[in-house]
Amino acid sequence: MTTYLLEHAWVDGRVQDAVGIEVEDGRITAVEPNADHGGVRLRGLTLPGFANTHSHAFHRALRGRTQTDRGTFWTWREQMYAVAGRLDPDTYYQLAKATYTEMVAAGYTSVGEFHYLHHQPDGTPYADPNAMGNALLAAAHDAGIRITLLDTLYLSSGFGAAPEGVQRRFSDGTAEAWQERVSALSPDTGALIGVAAHSVRAVPADALKAFTPYVESGAPVHVHLSEQVKENADCVAVHGVTPTRLLADHDFLGPMTSAVHATHLSDEDIRLLGEAGVFASFCPTTERDLGDGIGPARALQQAGSTLTLGSDSHAVIDAFEEMRAVEMDERLATQARGHWTAAELLLAGTAHGHRSLGFADAGSIAVGQRADLVTIDLASPRTAGTGGDEHTAVFAAGGADVTHVVVDGRVVFEGDHGSVGRALSTAIEGIWT
């Protein structure tokens, strides 16, 4: 058993002082505010671990390289494909491990990896058909972060057209072949397998039925949804309905479905998503980087959806920036302040995110929960003088302020941000050279 004394901690929806906790077998077994006993002292503000609900690990190699010219999501996608064509299981492992380590250092304790880079560059399976997925599972294990591997179905380059170029790496050919490959995944303890439809562009309507057993079983099911206006227009042209309506008509929407981005929605789309009780996985730092637009986060919440947060393309990996960006973007869209409270955004980044990935027992400092602890410095140039409460966490702190991270009771980070950067440099240089 390990005993901690947290100088300040976010417990039961508010910051409390001198919180003593006991951890045994990776679980919190006791929580005592105003404690006076000893133990491992964590100075600063301790929060529950954050959940990154949408990641493409290989996109991390693009940071700083795709902002050199004008363009759109579609021109960015061609640059992304260039990276996708360079990776093999070994280089993917190295890049993913470094990326997941960066996540841990920023306070993430779980990640949902939206995985569609399955095969060799010409589309031929590796000797182990899950070599790339297993590389991601191993990388997460070695970086110390929990993972839900969201193995992704990708069959078309766009509304029935055959995959071309590097897209051949993404496709299993049929939904049945994809299901067979997914069924062979066997993760270690601490990892989960979920599934994803890449998008209504990449999964023909008749293949959406492949997701019915996963939706009915309560497994995490994710999908890119209405990130671009063009996707909506093309879907209406082909199917006569919006992407959301298409998913609803094929029973894809359920309480463990995550609609990723959900940016360009009609009022009916918002109603359908809310009535189904889906998670809305917003990725504000990517959505602004790609010029996607500002999604209707508050409207979705009011309709019945639950907000979660991801870092997607990893233009930024910072749980604190993702939280405050939701509020800041709503301010830009409405010219008004105060759409989301700090407590609501913390829940989106922690408990709600973990639940969407299948870890309902993570995301709060409470008895019976996984012992995930993220401590931030309250005397950094960003946090000094800000009050030291949940508003400091959401509206002042950054990933660089994280000093200590515990995942499932195991210390995985103790403030050495420099080593994280060096590992990233080595992994990324190995891809581009």
Foldseek 3Di string as FASTA:
>chain_A
DFKEFEQWEQAPLWIAGRWIWDADQQFTADIDGPDDDDGHYFYAYKFFFFEAEEAAQQLQLCAPPQPPDDDFLVVVVVVVLVLLQQDDLVLLLLSLLLSLLLLVLQRHQEYEYADQQFDHQQLHADPLSRSNVVSNLVSCVVLRHFYAYAQEAFAAPFQPHGDDGSCSSRHLNALVSSVVSQVPDDHDPRYHYHYEYAFCTGAPLVSLLSCVVRQVVLAAYEYAAPLAPVQQVSCCVNPVHGRLVSCVVSVNQALLYEHEQQADDDPVSLLSNQVRQYEYEYQLVVSVVNVSHQHPVLSSVVNHYQYAYHNYSPSDNHLLCRLLSNQVRVCVVPVDHDSDDLSSSLCRGFQVSCVSNVQNQGGHNDGRRRPWMWGFHCCDPQRDPVPSMSCSSRPTDISLRTAWIAGSNHTSHGRCVVVSVVSNVVSSVVSVD
